[in-house]
Amino acid sequence: MANKRSYCWGLNDNGQIGDGTSGSENNRFSPTESLFLRPVQNRYIY
């Protein structure tokens, strides 16, 4: 991505996404910016 930010998606039961939320109601099915990985310039998170 051109903005050099990290994005995650998937299960978020324990806050794995890193956007400050947790719980299965906050699972992310599309790329969501991970606030905990700034300013790291990862492109993919598996």
PDB file of N, CA and C in Angstrom:
ATOM      1  N   MET A   1       0.830  -1.174   0.000  1.00  0.00           N
ATOM      2  CA  MET A   1       0.000   0.000   0.000  1.00  0.00           C
ATOM      3  C   MET A   1       0.878   1.242   0.000  1.00  0.00           C
ATOM      4  N   ALA A   2       0.449   2.222  -0.668  1.00  0.00           N
ATOM      5  CA  ALA A   2       1.250   3.417  -0.832  1.00  0.00           C
ATOM      6  C   ALA A   2       1.393   4.230   0.444  1.00  0.00           C
ATOM      7  N   ASN A   3       0.475   4.076   1.401  1.00  0.00           N
ATOM      8  CA  ASN A   3       0.550   4.890   2.612  1.00  0.00           C
ATOM      9  C   ASN A   3       1.480   4.311   3.673  1.00  0.00           C
ATOM     10  N   LYS A   4       2.078   3.151   3.434  1.00  0.00           N
ATOM     11  CA  LYS A   4       3.068   2.519   4.312  1.00  0.00           C
ATOM     12  C   LYS A   4       2.525   2.235   5.710  1.00  0.00           C
ATOM     13  N   ARG A   5       1.252   1.907   5.808  1.00  0.00           N
ATOM     14  CA  ARG A   5       0.647   1.536   7.074  1.00  0.00           C
ATOM     15  C   ARG A   5       0.385   0.042   7.085  1.00  0.00           C
ATOM     16  N   SER A   6       0.211  -0.521   8.267  1.00  0.00           N
ATOM     17  CA  SER A   6      -0.034  -1.956   8.414  1.00  0.00           C
ATOM     18  C   SER A   6      -1.524  -2.206   8.572  1.00  0.00           C
ATOM     19  N   TYR A   7      -1.997  -3.225   7.870  1.00  0.00           N
ATOM     20  CA  TYR A   7      -3.411  -3.584   7.921  1.00  0.00           C
ATOM     21  C   TYR A   7      -3.543  -5.049   8.282  1.00  0.00           C
ATOM     22  N   CYS A   8      -4.578  -5.372   9.071  1.00  0.00           N
ATOM     23  CA  CYS A   8      -4.843  -6.738   9.506  1.00  0.00           C
ATOM     24  C   CYS A   8      -6.319  -7.038   9.312  1.00  0.00           C
ATOM     25  N   TRP A   9      -6.646  -8.330   9.246  1.00  0.00           N
ATOM     26  CA  TRP A   9      -8.036  -8.756   9.200  1.00  0.00           C
ATOM     27  C   TRP A   9      -8.126 -10.159   9.750  1.00  0.00           C
ATOM     28  N   GLY A  10      -9.314 -10.547  10.144  1.00  0.00           N
ATOM     29  CA  GLY A  10      -9.542 -11.882  10.678  1.00  0.00           C
ATOM     30  C   GLY A  10     -10.171 -11.834  12.055  1.00  0.00           C
ATOM     31  N   LEU A  11      -9.930 -12.888  12.848  1.00  0.00           N
ATOM     32  CA  LEU A  11     -10.494 -12.971  14.188  1.00  0.00           C
ATOM     33  C   LEU A  11      -9.893 -11.902  15.090  1.00  0.00           C
ATOM     34  N   ASN A  12     -10.693 -11.443  16.035  1.00  0.00           N
ATOM     35  CA  ASN A  12     -10.254 -10.391  16.942  1.00  0.00           C
ATOM     36  C   ASN A  12     -10.695 -10.688  18.372  1.00  0.00           C
ATOM     37  N   ASP A  13     -10.895 -11.967  18.694  1.00  0.00           N
ATOM     38  CA  ASP A  13     -11.398 -12.354  20.011  1.00  0.00           C
ATOM     39  C   ASP A  13     -10.563 -11.778  21.150  1.00  0.00           C
ATOM     40  N   ASN A  14      -9.263 -11.745  20.980  1.00  0.00           N
ATOM     41  CA  ASN A  14      -8.358 -11.257  22.026  1.00  0.00           C
ATOM     42  C   ASN A  14      -7.602 -10.008  21.615  1.00  0.00           C
ATOM     43  N   GLY A  15      -8.156  -9.253  20.684  1.00  0.00           N
ATOM     44  CA  GLY A  15      -7.504  -8.012  20.255  1.00  0.00           C
ATOM     45  C   GLY A  15      -6.382  -8.216  19.258  1.00  0.00           C
ATOM     46  N   GLN A  16      -6.381  -9.342  18.524  1.00  0.00           N
ATOM     47  CA  GLN A  16      -5.297  -9.656  17.601  1.00  0.00           C
ATOM     48  C   GLN A  16      -5.134  -8.623  16.486  1.00  0.00           C
ATOM     49  N   ILE A  17      -6.192  -7.942  16.106  1.00  0.00           N
ATOM     50  CA  ILE A  17      -6.132  -7.000  14.986  1.00  0.00           C
ATOM     51  C   ILE A  17      -5.268  -5.792  15.328  1.00  0.00           C
ATOM     52  N   GLY A  18      -5.292  -5.352  16.564  1.00  0.00           N
ATOM     53  CA  GLY A  18      -4.447  -4.230  16.965  1.00  0.00           C
ATOM     54  C   GLY A  18      -5.074  -2.878  16.710  1.00  0.00           C
ATOM     55  N   ASP A  19      -6.412  -2.827  16.632  1.00  0.00           N
ATOM     56  CA  ASP A  19      -7.066  -1.533  16.428  1.00  0.00           C
ATOM     57  C   ASP A  19      -7.723  -1.015  17.703  1.00  0.00           C
ATOM     58  N   GLY A  20      -7.385  -1.624  18.839  1.00  0.00           N
ATOM     59  CA  GLY A  20      -7.916  -1.174  20.117  1.00  0.00           C
ATOM     60  C   GLY A  20      -9.231  -1.821  20.508  1.00  0.00           C
ATOM     61  N   THR A  21      -9.732  -2.761  19.709  1.00  0.00           N
ATOM     62  CA  THR A  21     -10.968  -3.460  20.031  1.00  0.00           C
ATOM     63  C   THR A  21     -10.671  -4.930  20.285  1.00  0.00           C
ATOM     64  N   SER A  22     -11.637  -5.626  20.870  1.00  0.00           N
ATOM     65  CA  SER A  22     -11.529  -7.070  21.036  1.00  0.00           C
ATOM     66  C   SER A  22     -12.931  -7.647  21.127  1.00  0.00           C
ATOM     67  N   GLY A  23     -13.037  -8.949  20.985  1.00  0.00           N
ATOM     68  CA  GLY A  23     -14.321  -9.623  21.035  1.00  0.00           C
ATOM     69  C   GLY A  23     -14.753 -10.077  19.659  1.00  0.00           C
ATOM     70  N   SER A  24     -15.484 -11.188  19.625  1.00  0.00           N
ATOM     71  CA  SER A  24     -15.885 -11.758  18.339  1.00  0.00           C
ATOM     72  C   SER A  24     -16.797 -10.823  17.561  1.00  0.00           C
ATOM     73  N   GLU A  25     -17.492  -9.902  18.237  1.00  0.00           N
ATOM     74  CA  GLU A  25     -18.330  -8.943  17.514  1.00  0.00           C
ATOM     75  C   GLU A  25     -17.496  -7.916  16.755  1.00  0.00           C
ATOM     76  N   ASN A  26     -16.174  -7.888  17.033  1.00  0.00           N
ATOM     77  CA  ASN A  26     -15.273  -6.967  16.352  1.00  0.00           C
ATOM     78  C   ASN A  26     -14.322  -7.678  15.389  1.00  0.00           C
ATOM     79  N   ASN A  27     -14.673  -8.895  14.952  1.00  0.00           N
ATOM     80  CA  ASN A  27     -13.874  -9.556  13.928  1.00  0.00           C
ATOM     81  C   ASN A  27     -13.834  -8.674  12.694  1.00  0.00           C
ATOM     82  N   ARG A  28     -12.716  -8.670  11.990  1.00  0.00           N
ATOM     83  CA  ARG A  28     -12.550  -7.803  10.822  1.00  0.00           C
ATOM     84  C   ARG A  28     -12.495  -8.649   9.561  1.00  0.00           C
ATOM     85  N   PHE A  29     -13.415  -8.405   8.668  1.00  0.00           N
ATOM     86  CA  PHE A  29     -13.510  -9.170   7.425  1.00  0.00           C
ATOM     87  C   PHE A  29     -12.916  -8.422   6.239  1.00  0.00           C
ATOM     88  N   SER A  30     -12.431  -7.220   6.474  1.00  0.00           N
ATOM     89  CA  SER A  30     -11.723  -6.454   5.453  1.00  0.00           C
ATOM     90  C   SER A  30     -10.528  -5.793   6.144  1.00  0.00           C
ATOM     91  N   PRO A  31      -9.515  -5.405   5.377  1.00  0.00           N
ATOM     92  CA  PRO A  31      -8.315  -4.816   5.988  1.00  0.00           C
ATOM     93  C   PRO A  31      -8.640  -3.613   6.880  1.00  0.00           C
ATOM     94  N   THR A  32      -8.101  -3.641   8.088  1.00  0.00           N
ATOM     95  CA  THR A  32      -8.294  -2.597   9.080  1.00  0.00           C
ATOM     96  C   THR A  32      -6.913  -2.156   9.549  1.00  0.00           C
ATOM     97  N   GLU A  33      -6.688  -0.861   9.647  1.00  0.00           N
ATOM     98  CA  GLU A  33      -5.371  -0.386  10.063  1.00  0.00           C
ATOM     99  C   GLU A  33      -5.055  -0.829  11.483  1.00  0.00           C
ATOM    100  N   SER A  34      -3.871  -1.371  11.677  1.00  0.00           N
ATOM    101  CA  SER A  34      -3.407  -1.790  12.994  1.00  0.00           C
ATOM    102  C   SER A  34      -2.651  -0.640  13.636  1.00  0.00           C
ATOM    103  N   LEU A  35      -3.204  -0.099  14.701  1.00  0.00           N
ATOM    104  CA  LEU A  35      -2.583   1.035  15.382  1.00  0.00           C
ATOM    105  C   LEU A  35      -1.330   0.630  16.147  1.00  0.00           C
ATOM    106  N   PHE A  36      -1.248  -0.647  16.569  1.00  0.00           N
ATOM    107  CA  PHE A  36      -0.108  -1.111  17.348  1.00  0.00           C
ATOM    108  C   PHE A  36       1.141  -1.339  16.501  1.00  0.00           C
ATOM    109  N   LEU A  37       0.997  -1.428  15.200  1.00  0.00           N
ATOM    110  CA  LEU A  37       2.150  -1.696  14.344  1.00  0.00           C
ATOM    111  C   LEU A  37       2.728  -0.440  13.702  1.00  0.00           C
ATOM    112  N   ARG A  38       2.230   0.713  14.039  1.00  0.00           N
ATOM    113  CA  ARG A  38       2.809   1.946  13.506  1.00  0.00           C
ATOM    114  C   ARG A  38       4.171   2.170  14.122  1.00  0.00           C
ATOM    115  N   PRO A  39       5.129   2.741  13.503  1.00  0.00           N
ATOM    116  CA  PRO A  39       5.217   3.030  12.074  1.00  0.00           C
ATOM    117  C   PRO A  39       5.884   1.922  11.282  1.00  0.00           C
ATOM    118  N   VAL A  40       5.810   0.684  11.756  1.00  0.00           N
ATOM    119  CA  VAL A  40       6.403  -0.448  11.044  1.00  0.00           C
ATOM    120  C   VAL A  40       5.798  -0.549   9.655  1.00  0.00           C
ATOM    121  N   GLN A  41       6.604  -0.847   8.658  1.00  0.00           N
ATOM    122  CA  GLN A  41       6.135  -0.851   7.284  1.00  0.00           C
ATOM    123  C   GLN A  41       5.945  -2.272   6.760  1.00  0.00           C
ATOM    124  N   ASN A  42       5.192  -3.089   7.497  1.00  0.00           N
ATOM    125  CA  ASN A  42       4.873  -4.435   7.018  1.00  0.00           C
ATOM    126  C   ASN A  42       3.859  -4.336   5.899  1.00  0.00           C
ATOM    127  N   ARG A  43       3.910  -5.277   4.976  1.00  0.00           N
ATOM    128  CA  ARG A  43       2.935  -5.290   3.908  1.00  0.00           C
ATOM    129  C   ARG A  43       1.877  -6.362   4.121  1.00  0.00           C
ATOM    130  N   TYR A  44       2.255  -7.486   4.712  1.00  0.00           N
ATOM    131  CA  TYR A  44       1.319  -8.585   4.920  1.00  0.00           C
ATOM    132  C   TYR A  44       1.510  -9.147   6.304  1.00  0.00           C
ATOM    133  N   ILE A  45       0.408  -9.541   6.934  1.00  0.00           N
ATOM    134  CA  ILE A  45       0.461 -10.190   8.224  1.00  0.00           C
ATOM    135  C   ILE A  45      -0.280 -11.497   8.098  1.00  0.00           C
ATOM    136  N   TYR A  46       0.393 -12.588   8.427  1.00  0.00           N
ATOM    137  CA  TYR A  46      -0.209 -13.918   8.299  1.00  0.00           C
ATOM    138  C   TYR A  46      -0.611 -14.432   9.652  1.00  0.00           C
TER     139      TYR A  46
END
